[in-house]
Amino acid sequence: MPWSIGLELLILFNSRRVASLGFGNALFVRAFIRKLVSGPEILIMATPETPTPVDKAQIVMNILYIEFRIRISLKYIMIIWLASYPKSGNTWLRMFLKSYYQKSNEGFKLQDTILDDFRTRGFPNILTMRHLKIDFNEFSEIVKNWEAMQDYLNLNNRTNFVKTHNSMCTIGPYKFTTNKNTKGGIYLVRDPRDVLISYSNHIGYDYEKTFEHMEASDNYETPTTGEGDKTYKKALLGSWANNYNSWKNYKSSKILVIKYEDMVLDSYNTFKKIINYLNEVDQLQVDEEKLRKAMKQTEFGELQKLEKKHGFVEKGEGELFFRKGKTGSWKDELSTNLIKKIEKAFYKEMTELGYL
């Protein structure tokens, strides 16, 4: 990564010992040191084994100064979130954007490669947490390092499209994100009656148990660690309503809310709205030909064909990830009693969104 800052940074601490001081951005500074290969000279001087309170204060002041200079020197607001409750069209949106960003001579594939012009990252990412030595088996440790992980992600000095199912929440003193790291986001919302059917198929629970999860404020995304069947709490989803309201009400950056149903029933205008939004927040070129090509390449039937032929890494417990891509399936599949439960639990939000 080329640098022209011309700063010589004197870091008056041992990075491991700084972490023990409880300063939240120690991970960021350690990551910055590892990342910075051809940049300013960095000198590390060990502090005394037992820093005095004055030493600690000086260490923190130096870290704050360094971070301030780094952020001033870089265009450091680089995350655009692609957020949603699970099974609300997030992956479909990512496939559309991947197709829109790709070069005209490239063939479209479901799986990401290092050559793709558009690549999304999941957040939080288990590889990043292992790299930064975050104990992801403790959700409190993930929460404590939300900002540090985003700092680290943004070291690449480019726009990062980041997928998440996490609520836009604050836990204790820790915010999920701030405009220091975030320049915008697209939030996808879908009729919870249809979400329930698709989510049930994805996680392998019956409809009643799936509804219990969708209604619970302490509902988590719990993927496997890659070590047998062991799972961990990756993200706090909250209830379907919690998740939607948290992103809708976020004011620090402009969030575009898109209904899944509009992607299905008014595809052209909805996807064009998304491209126009990205033009506004990230200067993405609006290209009519690319828009129509991307829409055609990522029609649900086309995505399903590719998944059947090549598989898809995000497939859950169901037979296919791209299952139906329809709206209103709940009318034929859910019991009257369960429909009433969903509509009662989420009445306010469903009315606001035009689902009732």
Protein backbone atom coordinates (compact mmCIF):
# COMPACT_ATOMS: atom_id res chain seq x y z
CA MET A 1 0.00 0.00 0.00
CA PRO A 2 1.63 3.29 -1.07
CA TRP A 3 2.03 5.99 1.56
CA SER A 4 2.88 9.68 1.20
CA ILE A 5 2.01 10.86 4.70
CA GLY A 6 5.61 11.51 5.71
CA LEU A 7 4.97 11.05 9.42
CA GLU A 8 7.36 9.46 11.85
CA LEU A 9 5.32 7.86 14.61
CA LEU A 10 6.86 7.24 17.98
CA ILE A 11 4.80 4.68 19.88
CA LEU A 12 5.73 4.84 23.53
CA PHE A 13 4.36 1.46 24.57
CA ASN A 14 4.61 -2.26 24.25
CA SER A 15 1.45 -3.24 22.35
CA ARG A 16 0.68 -6.32 24.38
CA ARG A 17 1.04 -4.44 27.63
CA VAL A 18 -1.20 -1.65 26.34
CA ALA A 19 -3.96 -4.19 25.81
CA SER A 20 -3.79 -4.94 29.53
CA LEU A 21 -4.47 -1.28 30.27
CA GLY A 22 -8.00 -1.73 28.97
CA PHE A 23 -7.69 0.75 26.11
CA GLY A 24 -10.17 -0.28 23.45
CA ASN A 25 -8.11 0.59 20.38
CA ALA A 26 -5.00 -1.39 21.27
CA LEU A 27 -6.03 -3.97 18.66
CA PHE A 28 -6.24 -1.25 16.06
CA VAL A 29 -2.71 -0.02 16.79
CA ARG A 30 -1.29 -3.56 16.81
CA ALA A 31 -3.04 -4.27 13.51
CA PHE A 32 -1.75 -1.01 12.07
CA ILE A 33 1.81 -1.93 13.00
CA ARG A 34 1.47 -5.30 11.26
CA LYS A 35 -0.18 -3.78 8.22
CA LEU A 36 2.23 -0.91 7.73
CA VAL A 37 5.05 -2.35 5.66
CA SER A 38 6.14 0.57 3.50
CA GLY A 39 4.81 3.48 5.50
CA PRO A 40 6.18 5.75 8.21
CA GLU A 41 8.92 4.47 10.49
CA ILE A 42 7.52 3.09 13.71
CA LEU A 43 9.63 2.74 16.83
CA ILE A 44 8.42 0.63 19.72
CA MET A 45 9.86 1.32 23.14
CA ALA A 46 8.86 -0.87 26.06
CA THR A 47 7.27 0.76 29.08
CA PRO A 48 8.25 -0.19 32.62
CA GLU A 49 6.94 -3.56 33.77
CA THR A 50 4.45 -1.85 36.10
CA PRO A 51 3.40 1.46 34.57
CA THR A 52 2.48 4.21 37.02
CA PRO A 53 -0.86 6.04 36.61
CA VAL A 54 1.03 8.89 34.96
CA ASP A 55 2.67 6.45 32.54
CA LYS A 56 -0.72 4.97 31.70
CA ALA A 57 -2.18 8.39 31.02
CA GLN A 58 0.75 9.26 28.75
CA ILE A 59 0.38 5.97 26.88
CA VAL A 60 -3.31 6.60 26.25
CA MET A 61 -2.61 10.16 25.11
CA ASN A 62 0.00 8.91 22.64
CA ILE A 63 -2.37 6.30 21.25
CA LEU A 64 -5.12 8.89 20.82
CA TYR A 65 -2.70 11.24 19.08
CA ILE A 66 -1.45 8.54 16.72
CA GLU A 67 -4.95 7.38 15.88
CA PHE A 68 -6.05 10.97 15.28
CA ARG A 69 -3.16 11.60 12.87
CA ILE A 70 -3.82 8.34 11.03
CA ARG A 71 -7.50 9.13 10.59
CA ILE A 72 -6.76 12.68 9.45
CA SER A 73 -4.27 11.34 6.88
CA LEU A 74 -6.66 8.78 5.40
CA LYS A 75 -10.14 9.00 3.96
CA TYR A 76 -11.20 6.75 6.75
CA ILE A 77 -14.99 6.33 6.45
CA MET A 78 -15.22 3.30 4.25
CA ILE A 79 -17.85 0.74 5.31
CA ILE A 80 -21.17 0.44 3.53
CA TRP A 81 -23.27 -2.08 5.41
CA LEU A 82 -25.51 -4.60 3.67
CA ALA A 83 -27.71 -5.39 6.64
CA SER A 84 -30.85 -7.42 7.24
CA TYR A 85 -32.58 -9.94 9.41
CA PRO A 86 -31.71 -13.41 8.02
CA LYS A 87 -33.49 -14.57 4.85
CA SER A 88 -34.56 -11.10 3.77
CA GLY A 89 -32.73 -10.81 0.44
CA ASN A 90 -29.24 -9.84 1.62
CA THR A 91 -27.50 -12.46 -0.49
CA TRP A 92 -29.59 -11.61 -3.55
CA LEU A 93 -28.57 -7.95 -3.18
CA ARG A 94 -24.90 -8.94 -2.89
CA MET A 95 -25.14 -11.07 -6.04
CA PHE A 96 -26.69 -8.14 -7.93
CA LEU A 97 -23.94 -5.76 -6.81
CA LYS A 98 -21.25 -8.31 -7.63
CA SER A 99 -22.64 -8.59 -11.16
CA TYR A 100 -22.93 -4.81 -11.53
CA TYR A 101 -19.31 -4.25 -10.46
CA GLN A 102 -17.74 -7.00 -12.58
CA LYS A 103 -15.92 -6.31 -15.83
CA SER A 104 -17.86 -6.90 -19.04
CA ASN A 105 -15.66 -9.85 -20.10
CA GLU A 106 -16.03 -11.76 -16.81
CA GLY A 107 -18.43 -14.64 -16.23
CA PHE A 108 -20.70 -14.42 -13.21
CA LYS A 109 -20.15 -16.87 -10.33
CA LEU A 110 -21.80 -17.25 -6.95
CA GLN A 111 -18.58 -17.80 -5.04
CA ASP A 112 -16.28 -14.85 -4.38
CA THR A 113 -12.70 -14.88 -5.67
CA ILE A 114 -9.78 -12.56 -4.98
CA LEU A 115 -10.10 -11.27 -8.55
CA ASP A 116 -13.64 -9.95 -8.08
CA ASP A 117 -14.00 -6.16 -8.20
CA PHE A 118 -16.85 -6.47 -5.70
CA ARG A 119 -16.28 -8.58 -2.61
CA THR A 120 -18.29 -8.56 0.58
CA ARG A 121 -17.10 -9.48 4.02
CA GLY A 122 -19.23 -10.90 6.79
CA PHE A 123 -19.10 -9.12 10.12
CA PRO A 124 -17.82 -10.11 12.50
CA ASN A 125 -15.51 -12.44 10.59
CA ILE A 126 -14.06 -15.40 12.48
CA LEU A 127 -10.76 -15.26 10.57
CA THR A 128 -10.30 -11.62 11.57
CA MET A 129 -11.11 -12.42 15.18
CA ARG A 130 -8.56 -15.21 15.23
CA HIS A 131 -5.98 -12.94 13.61
CA LEU A 132 -6.56 -10.24 16.21
CA LYS A 133 -6.68 -12.83 19.01
CA ILE A 134 -10.23 -11.98 20.06
CA ASP A 135 -11.91 -14.65 22.17
CA PHE A 136 -14.99 -15.09 19.99
CA ASN A 137 -16.38 -17.75 22.33
CA GLU A 138 -17.26 -14.85 24.65
CA PHE A 139 -19.80 -12.55 23.00
CA SER A 140 -18.78 -9.76 25.37
CA GLU A 141 -15.29 -9.87 23.82
CA ILE A 142 -16.75 -9.54 20.32
CA VAL A 143 -18.84 -6.56 21.45
CA LYS A 144 -15.83 -4.91 23.10
CA ASN A 145 -13.92 -5.16 19.82
CA TRP A 146 -16.61 -4.18 17.28
CA GLU A 147 -14.89 -0.87 16.62
CA ALA A 148 -11.37 -2.30 16.61
CA MET A 149 -12.36 -4.91 14.00
CA GLN A 150 -13.85 -2.20 11.80
CA ASP A 151 -10.69 -0.11 12.25
CA TYR A 152 -8.66 -3.08 11.08
CA LEU A 153 -10.96 -3.76 8.14
CA ASN A 154 -10.70 -0.16 6.98
CA LEU A 155 -6.91 -0.22 6.83
CA ASN A 156 -7.20 -1.23 3.17
CA ASN A 157 -8.22 2.36 2.33
CA ARG A 158 -11.12 1.39 0.07
CA THR A 159 -14.87 1.09 0.28
CA ASN A 160 -15.76 -2.10 2.10
CA PHE A 161 -19.16 -3.67 1.55
CA VAL A 162 -19.87 -5.57 4.75
CA LYS A 163 -22.71 -8.00 5.32
CA THR A 164 -24.23 -8.26 8.76
CA HIS A 165 -27.35 -9.51 10.53
CA ASN A 166 -26.43 -7.69 13.73
CA SER A 167 -28.81 -5.10 15.10
CA MET A 168 -27.58 -1.51 15.04
CA CYS A 169 -27.35 -1.59 18.80
CA THR A 170 -25.36 -0.35 21.78
CA ILE A 171 -24.33 -2.78 24.50
CA GLY A 172 -23.00 -1.09 27.60
CA PRO A 173 -20.56 1.57 26.34
CA TYR A 174 -19.98 -0.19 23.01
CA LYS A 175 -21.76 0.93 19.83
CA PHE A 176 -22.02 -1.50 16.93
CA THR A 177 -20.57 1.20 14.67
CA THR A 178 -20.23 4.97 14.34
CA ASN A 179 -19.69 7.34 11.44
CA LYS A 180 -15.96 7.10 12.15
CA ASN A 181 -16.05 3.78 10.29
CA THR A 182 -19.37 3.87 8.44
CA LYS A 183 -20.36 5.94 5.44
CA GLY A 184 -23.75 4.31 4.79
CA GLY A 185 -25.80 1.18 4.59
CA ILE A 186 -28.57 -0.65 2.78
CA TYR A 187 -31.07 -2.41 5.02
CA LEU A 188 -33.31 -5.09 3.54
CA VAL A 189 -36.63 -5.85 5.20
CA ARG A 190 -39.11 -8.60 4.33
CA ASP A 191 -42.60 -9.60 5.46
CA PRO A 192 -41.93 -11.58 8.68
CA ARG A 193 -44.50 -14.20 7.68
CA ASP A 194 -42.39 -15.06 4.63
CA VAL A 195 -39.15 -14.66 6.60
CA LEU A 196 -40.36 -17.31 9.03
CA ILE A 197 -40.85 -19.91 6.29
CA SER A 198 -37.46 -19.29 4.66
CA TYR A 199 -35.63 -18.96 7.99
CA SER A 200 -37.20 -22.19 9.26
CA ASN A 201 -35.95 -24.03 6.18
CA HIS A 202 -32.48 -22.50 6.60
CA ILE A 203 -31.93 -23.33 10.29
CA GLY A 204 -33.89 -26.59 10.36
CA TYR A 205 -36.44 -25.62 13.05
CA ASP A 206 -40.21 -26.06 12.84
CA TYR A 207 -42.36 -22.98 12.32
CA GLU A 208 -43.35 -22.55 15.97
CA LYS A 209 -39.76 -22.72 17.25
CA THR A 210 -38.60 -20.38 14.49
CA PHE A 211 -41.26 -17.85 15.52
CA GLU A 212 -40.00 -18.02 19.12
CA HIS A 213 -36.56 -17.01 17.86
CA MET A 214 -37.93 -14.22 15.67
CA GLU A 215 -39.87 -12.76 18.61
CA ALA A 216 -37.00 -12.96 21.15
CA SER A 217 -34.94 -9.85 21.88
CA ASP A 218 -31.99 -12.06 22.88
CA ASN A 219 -31.86 -14.00 19.61
CA TYR A 220 -28.34 -14.55 18.27
CA GLU A 221 -26.76 -15.73 15.03
CA THR A 222 -24.84 -18.87 16.06
CA PRO A 223 -22.68 -20.37 13.30
CA THR A 224 -20.16 -23.15 13.86
CA THR A 225 -16.56 -22.36 14.69
CA GLY A 226 -15.23 -24.89 12.17
CA GLU A 227 -14.21 -27.14 15.03
CA GLY A 228 -16.73 -29.96 14.85
CA ASP A 229 -20.26 -28.90 15.84
CA LYS A 230 -19.12 -26.19 18.24
CA THR A 231 -21.00 -22.90 17.80
CA TYR A 232 -20.53 -19.35 19.05
CA LYS A 233 -22.64 -16.20 19.33
CA LYS A 234 -21.61 -14.18 16.32
CA ALA A 235 -24.22 -11.44 16.16
CA LEU A 236 -27.13 -10.13 18.19
CA LEU A 237 -30.13 -10.26 15.89
CA GLY A 238 -32.75 -9.30 18.43
CA SER A 239 -36.33 -9.82 17.31
CA TRP A 240 -37.39 -9.18 13.73
CA ALA A 241 -38.84 -5.83 14.89
CA ASN A 242 -35.77 -4.93 16.97
CA ASN A 243 -33.53 -5.52 13.99
CA TYR A 244 -35.58 -3.43 11.58
CA ASN A 245 -36.13 -0.53 13.98
CA SER A 246 -32.48 -0.35 14.99
CA TRP A 247 -31.31 0.23 11.41
CA LYS A 248 -34.25 2.38 10.35
CA ASN A 249 -33.64 4.76 13.25
CA TYR A 250 -29.86 5.06 12.80
CA LYS A 251 -29.12 8.74 12.09
CA SER A 252 -25.32 9.02 12.00
CA SER A 253 -25.15 7.86 8.35
CA LYS A 254 -27.78 7.66 5.65
CA ILE A 255 -29.39 4.20 5.59
CA LEU A 256 -31.43 3.14 2.56
CA VAL A 257 -34.29 0.80 3.54
CA ILE A 258 -35.39 -1.57 0.77
CA LYS A 259 -38.33 -3.97 0.91
CA TYR A 260 -37.66 -7.46 -0.42
CA GLU A 261 -41.11 -7.43 -2.01
CA ASP A 262 -40.13 -4.40 -4.12
CA MET A 263 -37.05 -6.28 -5.35
CA VAL A 264 -39.41 -9.00 -6.58
CA LEU A 265 -42.37 -6.98 -7.82
CA ASP A 266 -40.71 -3.74 -9.00
CA SER A 267 -37.21 -4.95 -9.75
CA TYR A 268 -35.99 -2.29 -12.15
CA ASN A 269 -36.97 0.76 -10.07
CA THR A 270 -35.79 -0.86 -6.84
CA PHE A 271 -32.36 -1.87 -8.09
CA LYS A 272 -31.95 1.50 -9.78
CA LYS A 273 -32.73 3.16 -6.45
CA ILE A 274 -29.91 1.12 -4.91
CA ILE A 275 -27.42 2.16 -7.61
CA ASN A 276 -28.49 5.81 -7.26
CA TYR A 277 -27.92 5.59 -3.51
CA LEU A 278 -24.42 4.17 -4.04
CA ASN A 279 -23.75 6.95 -6.52
CA GLU A 280 -24.72 9.45 -3.80
CA VAL A 281 -22.64 7.99 -0.96
CA ASP A 282 -19.76 6.41 -2.90
CA GLN A 283 -19.74 7.97 -6.39
CA LEU A 284 -20.63 4.67 -8.10
CA GLN A 285 -21.24 5.29 -11.81
CA VAL A 286 -24.87 4.83 -12.89
CA ASP A 287 -24.82 2.67 -16.03
CA GLU A 288 -28.14 1.60 -17.53
CA GLU A 289 -26.65 -1.26 -19.54
CA LYS A 290 -24.83 -2.69 -16.52
CA LEU A 291 -27.95 -2.34 -14.41
CA ARG A 292 -30.09 -4.39 -16.78
CA LYS A 293 -27.36 -6.99 -17.29
CA ALA A 294 -26.91 -7.42 -13.53
CA MET A 295 -30.65 -7.80 -13.05
CA LYS A 296 -30.81 -10.50 -15.71
CA GLN A 297 -27.76 -12.40 -14.36
CA THR A 298 -29.17 -12.44 -10.85
CA GLU A 299 -32.77 -13.37 -11.49
CA PHE A 300 -33.74 -15.89 -8.86
CA GLY A 301 -34.05 -18.71 -11.36
CA GLU A 302 -30.54 -18.02 -12.65
CA LEU A 303 -29.08 -18.01 -9.14
CA GLN A 304 -30.84 -21.27 -8.40
CA LYS A 305 -29.39 -22.88 -11.54
CA LEU A 306 -25.88 -21.83 -10.53
CA GLU A 307 -26.37 -23.19 -7.01
CA LYS A 308 -27.61 -26.54 -8.30
CA LYS A 309 -24.65 -26.79 -10.64
CA HIS A 310 -21.83 -25.48 -8.44
CA GLY A 311 -23.20 -25.42 -4.88
CA PHE A 312 -23.15 -22.44 -2.54
CA VAL A 313 -21.12 -22.03 0.65
CA GLU A 314 -23.92 -20.19 2.51
CA LYS A 315 -26.43 -23.02 2.20
CA GLY A 316 -27.85 -23.93 5.60
CA GLU A 317 -29.90 -26.97 6.60
CA GLY A 318 -32.27 -26.76 3.64
CA GLU A 319 -31.85 -28.36 0.23
CA LEU A 320 -31.11 -25.02 -1.48
CA PHE A 321 -30.16 -21.54 -0.32
CA PHE A 322 -32.00 -19.91 -3.25
CA ARG A 323 -35.25 -21.73 -2.53
CA LYS A 324 -38.21 -19.90 -4.09
CA GLY A 325 -37.69 -16.14 -4.19
CA LYS A 326 -41.41 -15.45 -4.04
CA THR A 327 -43.66 -13.30 -1.93
CA GLY A 328 -46.81 -14.37 -0.10
CA SER A 329 -45.92 -18.04 0.41
CA TRP A 330 -47.08 -17.70 4.02
CA LYS A 331 -50.72 -17.69 2.84
CA ASP A 332 -50.50 -21.35 1.85
CA GLU A 333 -47.94 -22.62 4.37
CA LEU A 334 -48.67 -21.09 7.77
CA SER A 335 -51.52 -21.97 10.10
CA THR A 336 -54.11 -19.30 10.90
CA ASN A 337 -53.04 -19.39 14.56
CA LEU A 338 -49.37 -18.75 13.76
CA ILE A 339 -50.25 -15.96 11.32
CA LYS A 340 -52.20 -14.22 14.09
CA LYS A 341 -49.24 -14.59 16.47
CA ILE A 342 -46.84 -12.98 13.99
CA GLU A 343 -49.21 -10.15 13.15
CA LYS A 344 -49.84 -9.42 16.83
CA ALA A 345 -46.13 -9.47 17.74
CA PHE A 346 -45.07 -7.20 14.87
CA TYR A 347 -48.27 -5.22 14.28
CA LYS A 348 -46.70 -1.75 14.44
CA GLU A 349 -43.84 -2.48 12.03
CA MET A 350 -45.95 -4.54 9.63
CA THR A 351 -48.53 -1.75 9.42
CA GLU A 352 -45.83 0.85 8.86
CA LEU A 353 -44.32 -1.22 6.02
CA GLY A 354 -47.67 -1.93 4.38
CA TYR A 355 -47.74 -5.64 5.20
CA LEU A 356 -51.05 -5.21 7.07
